[in-house]
Each structure stands twice: as C-alpha cells, then as structure tokens.
C-alpha atoms as a PDB file:
ATOM      1  CA  UNK A   1      14.814   1.538   9.150  1.00  0.00           C
ATOM      2  CA  UNK A   2      12.752   1.349  12.298  1.00  0.00           C
ATOM      3  CA  UNK A   3       9.663  -0.800  12.053  1.00  0.00           C
ATOM      4  CA  UNK A   4       6.543   0.416  13.805  1.00  0.00           C
ATOM      5  CA  UNK A   5       4.725  -2.063  15.988  1.00  0.00           C
ATOM      6  CA  UNK A   6       1.545  -3.195  14.308  1.00  0.00           C
ATOM      7  CA  UNK A   7      -1.655  -2.318  16.055  1.00  0.00           C
ATOM      8  CA  UNK A   8      -3.634  -5.417  17.085  1.00  0.00           C
ATOM      9  CA  UNK A   9      -6.848  -3.658  16.106  1.00  0.00           C
ATOM     10  CA  UNK A  10      -5.695  -3.071  12.539  1.00  0.00           C
ATOM     11  CA  UNK A  11      -8.337  -4.032   9.981  1.00  0.00           C
ATOM     12  CA  UNK A  12      -5.550  -5.850   8.118  1.00  0.00           C
ATOM     13  CA  UNK A  13      -5.374  -8.401  10.927  1.00  0.00           C
ATOM     14  CA  UNK A  14      -8.999  -9.381  10.399  1.00  0.00           C
ATOM     15  CA  UNK A  15      -9.676  -8.911   6.668  1.00  0.00           C
ATOM     16  CA  UNK A  16     -13.041  -9.780   5.125  1.00  0.00           C
ATOM     17  CA  UNK A  17     -13.195 -13.583   5.150  1.00  0.00           C
ATOM     18  CA  UNK A  18     -14.822 -13.855   1.718  1.00  0.00           C
ATOM     19  CA  UNK A  19     -11.618 -12.541   0.079  1.00  0.00           C
ATOM     20  CA  UNK A  20      -9.249 -15.018   1.766  1.00  0.00           C
ATOM     21  CA  UNK A  21      -9.337 -17.611  -1.039  1.00  0.00           C
ATOM     22  CA  UNK A  22      -8.968 -15.136  -3.893  1.00  0.00           C
ATOM     23  CA  UNK A  23      -5.799 -15.164  -6.014  1.00  0.00           C
ATOM     24  CA  UNK A  24      -3.033 -12.876  -4.696  1.00  0.00           C
ATOM     25  CA  UNK A  25      -5.048 -11.854  -1.630  1.00  0.00           C
ATOM     26  CA  UNK A  26      -2.445 -13.180   0.808  1.00  0.00           C
ATOM     27  CA  UNK A  27       0.252 -11.287  -1.097  1.00  0.00           C
ATOM     28  CA  UNK A  28      -1.890  -8.150  -1.129  1.00  0.00           C
ATOM     29  CA  UNK A  29      -2.230  -8.343   2.664  1.00  0.00           C
ATOM     30  CA  UNK A  30       1.558  -8.587   2.927  1.00  0.00           C
ATOM     31  CA  UNK A  31       1.928  -5.466   0.747  1.00  0.00           C
ATOM     32  CA  UNK A  32      -0.506  -3.436   2.826  1.00  0.00           C
ATOM     33  CA  UNK A  33       0.895  -4.659   6.151  1.00  0.00           C
ATOM     34  CA  UNK A  34       4.434  -3.884   4.993  1.00  0.00           C
ATOM     35  CA  UNK A  35       3.461  -0.303   4.236  1.00  0.00           C
ATOM     36  CA  UNK A  36       1.603   0.004   7.539  1.00  0.00           C
ATOM     37  CA  UNK A  37       4.616  -1.349   9.442  1.00  0.00           C
ATOM     38  CA  UNK A  38       7.220   0.550   7.361  1.00  0.00           C
ATOM     39  CA  UNK A  39       8.789  -2.852   6.583  1.00  0.00           C
ATOM     40  CA  UNK A  40      10.889  -2.011   3.544  1.00  0.00           C
ATOM     41  CA  UNK A  41      12.611  -5.407   3.263  1.00  0.00           C
ATOM     42  CA  UNK A  42       9.409  -7.443   3.140  1.00  0.00           C
ATOM     43  CA  UNK A  43       7.817  -4.991   0.720  1.00  0.00           C
ATOM     44  CA  UNK A  44      10.891  -4.961  -1.534  1.00  0.00           C
ATOM     45  CA  UNK A  45      11.016  -8.757  -1.581  1.00  0.00           C
ATOM     46  CA  UNK A  46       7.456  -9.005  -2.890  1.00  0.00           C
ATOM     47  CA  UNK A  47       7.741  -6.259  -5.522  1.00  0.00           C
ATOM     48  CA  UNK A  48       9.557  -6.425  -8.843  1.00  0.00           C
ATOM     49  CA  UNK A  49       7.639  -3.500 -10.366  1.00  0.00           C
ATOM     50  CA  UNK A  50       9.116  -3.970 -13.821  1.00  0.00           C
ATOM     51  CA  UNK A  51       7.229  -0.977 -15.168  1.00  0.00           C
ATOM     52  CA  UNK A  52       7.364   1.262 -12.113  1.00  0.00           C
ATOM     53  CA  UNK A  53       4.404   2.236  -9.964  1.00  0.00           C
ATOM     54  CA  UNK A  54       1.968   5.042  -9.435  1.00  0.00           C
ATOM     55  CA  UNK A  55       1.520   5.498  -5.699  1.00  0.00           C
ATOM     56  CA  UNK A  56      -0.186   7.981  -3.397  1.00  0.00           C
ATOM     57  CA  UNK A  57       1.848  10.387  -1.245  1.00  0.00           C
ATOM     58  CA  UNK A  58       0.865  11.478   2.306  1.00  0.00           C
ATOM     59  CA  UNK A  59      -1.052  14.444   0.889  1.00  0.00           C
ATOM     60  CA  UNK A  60      -3.119  12.159  -1.374  1.00  0.00           C
ATOM     61  CA  UNK A  61      -1.386  13.133  -4.626  1.00  0.00           C
ATOM     62  CA  UNK A  62      -0.298  10.743  -7.377  1.00  0.00           C
ATOM     63  CA  UNK A  63       3.386   9.877  -7.288  1.00  0.00           C
ATOM     64  CA  UNK A  64       4.668   8.192 -10.481  1.00  0.00           C
ATOM     65  CA  UNK A  65       7.869   6.167 -10.099  1.00  0.00           C
ATOM     66  CA  UNK A  66       9.474   4.756 -13.238  1.00  0.00           C
ATOM     67  CA  UNK A  67      12.224   2.365 -12.118  1.00  0.00           C
ATOM     68  CA  UNK A  68      13.506   0.237  -9.231  1.00  0.00           C
ATOM     69  CA  UNK A  69      15.970   2.848  -7.982  1.00  0.00           C
ATOM     70  CA  UNK A  70      13.149   5.382  -7.867  1.00  0.00           C
ATOM     71  CA  UNK A  71      10.905   2.813  -6.148  1.00  0.00           C
ATOM     72  CA  UNK A  72      13.481   2.183  -3.416  1.00  0.00           C
ATOM     73  CA  UNK A  73      14.130   5.907  -2.939  1.00  0.00           C
ATOM     74  CA  UNK A  74      10.373   6.599  -2.741  1.00  0.00           C
ATOM     75  CA  UNK A  75       9.705   4.044  -0.009  1.00  0.00           C
ATOM     76  CA  UNK A  76      12.779   4.985   2.015  1.00  0.00           C
ATOM     77  CA  UNK A  77      11.687   8.646   1.799  1.00  0.00           C
ATOM     78  CA  UNK A  78       8.036   7.840   2.573  1.00  0.00           C
ATOM     79  CA  UNK A  79       8.816   5.686   5.602  1.00  0.00           C
ATOM     80  CA  UNK A  80      11.334   8.237   6.945  1.00  0.00           C
ATOM     81  CA  UNK A  81       8.851  11.084   6.452  1.00  0.00           C
ATOM     82  CA  UNK A  82       6.056   9.219   8.219  1.00  0.00           C
ATOM     83  CA  UNK A  83       8.377   8.277  11.096  1.00  0.00           C
ATOM     84  CA  UNK A  84       9.632  11.864  11.436  1.00  0.00           C
ATOM     85  CA  UNK A  85       6.034  13.113  11.532  1.00  0.00           C
ATOM     86  CA  UNK A  86       5.077  10.470  14.100  1.00  0.00           C
ATOM     87  CA  UNK A  87       2.356   9.413  11.665  1.00  0.00           C
ATOM     88  CA  UNK A  88       0.788   5.993  11.315  1.00  0.00           C
ATOM     89  CA  UNK A  89      -0.967   4.498   8.332  1.00  0.00           C
ATOM     90  CA  UNK A  90      -3.412   1.630   8.039  1.00  0.00           C
ATOM     91  CA  UNK A  91      -5.760   0.202   5.454  1.00  0.00           C
ATOM     92  CA  UNK A  92      -9.240  -1.259   5.360  1.00  0.00           C
ATOM     93  CA  UNK A  93     -10.010  -3.511   2.406  1.00  0.00           C
ATOM     94  CA  UNK A  94     -13.369  -2.544   0.935  1.00  0.00           C
ATOM     95  CA  UNK A  95     -13.469  -4.784  -2.153  1.00  0.00           C
ATOM     96  CA  UNK A  96     -11.129  -7.137  -3.969  1.00  0.00           C
ATOM     97  CA  UNK A  97     -11.228  -8.989  -7.280  1.00  0.00           C
ATOM     98  CA  UNK A  98      -8.547 -10.991  -9.048  1.00  0.00           C
ATOM     99  CA  UNK A  99      -7.903 -13.071 -12.134  1.00  0.00           C
ATOM    100  CA  UNK A 100      -5.013 -15.434 -12.777  1.00  0.00           C
ATOM    101  CA  UNK A 101      -4.072 -17.016 -16.120  1.00  0.00           C
ATOM    102  CA  UNK A 102      -0.859 -18.999 -16.261  1.00  0.00           C
ATOM    103  CA  UNK A 103       2.114 -16.912 -15.257  1.00  0.00           C
ATOM    104  CA  UNK A 104       0.281 -13.577 -15.067  1.00  0.00           C
ATOM    105  CA  UNK A 105      -2.637 -12.182 -13.155  1.00  0.00           C
ATOM    106  CA  UNK A 106      -4.130  -8.979 -11.943  1.00  0.00           C
ATOM    107  CA  UNK A 107      -6.129  -7.754  -9.024  1.00  0.00           C
ATOM    108  CA  UNK A 108      -8.235  -4.725  -8.306  1.00  0.00           C
ATOM    109  CA  UNK A 109      -8.141  -3.567  -4.712  1.00  0.00           C
ATOM    110  CA  UNK A 110     -10.529  -1.003  -3.276  1.00  0.00           C
ATOM    111  CA  UNK A 111      -9.298   0.160   0.098  1.00  0.00           C
ATOM    112  CA  UNK A 112      -9.446   3.053   2.496  1.00  0.00           C
ATOM    113  CA  UNK A 113      -6.055   4.142   3.698  1.00  0.00           C
ATOM    114  CA  UNK A 114      -5.805   6.203   6.848  1.00  0.00           C
ATOM    115  CA  UNK A 115      -3.064   8.563   7.930  1.00  0.00           C
ATOM    116  CA  UNK A 116      -3.109   9.287  11.654  1.00  0.00           C
ATOM    117  CA  UNK A 117      -1.122  12.073  13.233  1.00  0.00           C
ATOM    118  CA  UNK A 118      -1.962  12.525  16.894  1.00  0.00           C
ATOM    119  CA  UNK A 119      -5.708  12.933  17.194  1.00  0.00           C
ATOM    120  CA  UNK A 120      -6.163  13.777  13.507  1.00  0.00           C
ATOM    121  CA  UNK A 121      -7.061  11.118  10.947  1.00  0.00           C
ATOM    122  CA  UNK A 122      -7.125  11.569   7.186  1.00  0.00           C
ATOM    123  CA  UNK A 123      -8.767   8.943   5.013  1.00  0.00           C
ATOM    124  CA  UNK A 124      -8.217   8.202   1.353  1.00  0.00           C
ATOM    125  CA  UNK A 125     -10.657   6.034  -0.584  1.00  0.00           C
ATOM    126  CA  UNK A 126      -8.313   4.359  -3.045  1.00  0.00           C
ATOM    127  CA  UNK A 127      -8.383   1.873  -5.903  1.00  0.00           C
ATOM    128  CA  UNK A 128      -5.244   0.003  -6.919  1.00  0.00           C
ATOM    129  CA  UNK A 129      -4.722  -2.190  -9.937  1.00  0.00           C
ATOM    130  CA  UNK A 130      -1.946  -4.692  -9.370  1.00  0.00           C
ATOM    131  CA  UNK A 131      -0.287  -6.792 -12.070  1.00  0.00           C
ATOM    132  CA  UNK A 132       1.202 -10.038 -10.727  1.00  0.00           C
ATOM    133  CA  UNK A 133       3.764 -12.327 -12.339  1.00  0.00           C
ATOM    134  CA  UNK A 134       4.821 -15.817 -11.385  1.00  0.00           C
ATOM    135  CA  UNK A 135       8.536 -16.143 -10.602  1.00  0.00           C
ATOM    136  CA  UNK A 136      10.601 -19.100  -9.384  1.00  0.00           C
ATOM    137  CA  UNK A 137      10.124 -17.625  -5.880  1.00  0.00           C
ATOM    138  CA  UNK A 138       6.327 -17.271  -6.198  1.00  0.00           C
ATOM    139  CA  UNK A 139       4.015 -14.438  -7.201  1.00  0.00           C
ATOM    140  CA  UNK A 140       5.501 -10.936  -7.305  1.00  0.00           C
ATOM    141  CA  UNK A 141       3.952  -7.560  -7.917  1.00  0.00           C
ATOM    142  CA  UNK A 142       5.020  -6.390 -11.367  1.00  0.00           C
ATOM    143  CA  UNK A 143       3.011  -3.143 -11.444  1.00  0.00           C
ATOM    144  CA  UNK A 144       1.000  -1.113  -8.913  1.00  0.00           C
ATOM    145  CA  UNK A 145      -1.202   1.781  -9.932  1.00  0.00           C
ATOM    146  CA  UNK A 146      -3.167   3.511  -7.185  1.00  0.00           C
ATOM    147  CA  UNK A 147      -5.637   6.352  -7.528  1.00  0.00           C
ATOM    148  CA  UNK A 148      -7.412   8.268  -4.808  1.00  0.00           C
ATOM    149  CA  UNK A 149     -11.154   8.319  -5.456  1.00  0.00           C
ATOM    150  CA  UNK A 150     -12.012  10.625  -2.559  1.00  0.00           C
ATOM    151  CA  UNK A 151     -10.364  11.929   0.571  1.00  0.00           C
ATOM    152  CA  UNK A 152     -11.214  13.446   3.907  1.00  0.00           C
ATOM    153  CA  UNK A 153      -8.234  15.369   5.258  1.00  0.00           C
ATOM    154  CA  UNK A 154      -8.542  17.547   8.359  1.00  0.00           C
ATOM    155  CA  UNK A 155      -7.031  21.020   7.887  1.00  0.00           C
ATOM    156  CA  UNK A 156      -4.339  20.266  10.509  1.00  0.00           C
ATOM    157  CA  UNK A 157      -3.144  17.254   8.532  1.00  0.00           C
ATOM    158  CA  UNK A 158      -3.365  19.060   5.203  1.00  0.00           C
ATOM    159  CA  UNK A 159      -0.920  21.643   6.573  1.00  0.00           C
ATOM    160  CA  UNK A 160       1.415  18.980   7.963  1.00  0.00           C
ATOM    161  CA  UNK A 161       1.582  16.984   4.709  1.00  0.00           C
ATOM    162  CA  UNK A 162       1.889  19.810   2.199  1.00  0.00           C
END
C-alpha cells in the first residue's frame, strides 16, 4: 500500500496542547495520523477491535464492521479508494475526554474530518467513542464507534463518493 506524504500543515501535527496529557491521546493521534497517511500497518498494530467497529465511509455514511477480517478488508478498500480518487483526508481535534480504570478505559473524541479532492473539500463533524484495553504491548483500541453529527459536502464531491 502506498503511503501518502503527510502535510506539514496538518492540524494533527499541532494538536491542542491541553489534550496532550490525557489518557490515550497519544494513541488517538496515531490512529488519526495513520488514517490520514493511509498507513495500514501502524493502524492495524494499534487496533484489536474485539467487537468490530462502526466507521464513516467517504460519503459520510455509517459502515459497521463486525470482525477483524472485515476490519482489514474495510481499511484496504478505503485506502485504495481514496488513492484511486486522488483524495486526501485529515482531521482536526475539536474536543477530547478520557477515563482509565485499571486495564480498561474509554475516550470520546470530537473531530472534524476533511476529505479533499482537488479544489473541493468536504467536512464531517464527527464524534467517536473508543474503548481501550491494556495489553502486554501497551494500550490498544478494542472498539471504535464513529458517528457523523453534521457534514458539508460540495455537490462535486457528493457525486464522486456516491
């Protein structure tokens, strides 16, 4: 899989400083950067997703995935589709909260994800709830559930992603 070069102006390279000490925030940045960069291996290494995920597709629709094989197929398909379109994604973290208790924790991430295709930019105001579990190799995502709260999709992008 080809990895896109990260843009130095990405909001993920300069996240809000007041979130930096929060539980799982460093891991959350890795998740978002991995999606932005189409870095399947890094993403896969941080995600166990024991109970599947609910993700958002390029058109802003919910995409439920129930098992690891489906998870891998989804991200391979997503990254290939974005690359074939010549599309780029990025995220801006709007709010973040987390709780950790022993070997489990959860975080709530409010973020705006953008999908850029040429001069057209779609934005998706999104909330994700992430369940984290402690493993011998560190914290891993055990469940991701994302929902789009609102979106702004130019007509040209709506046609390209439907």
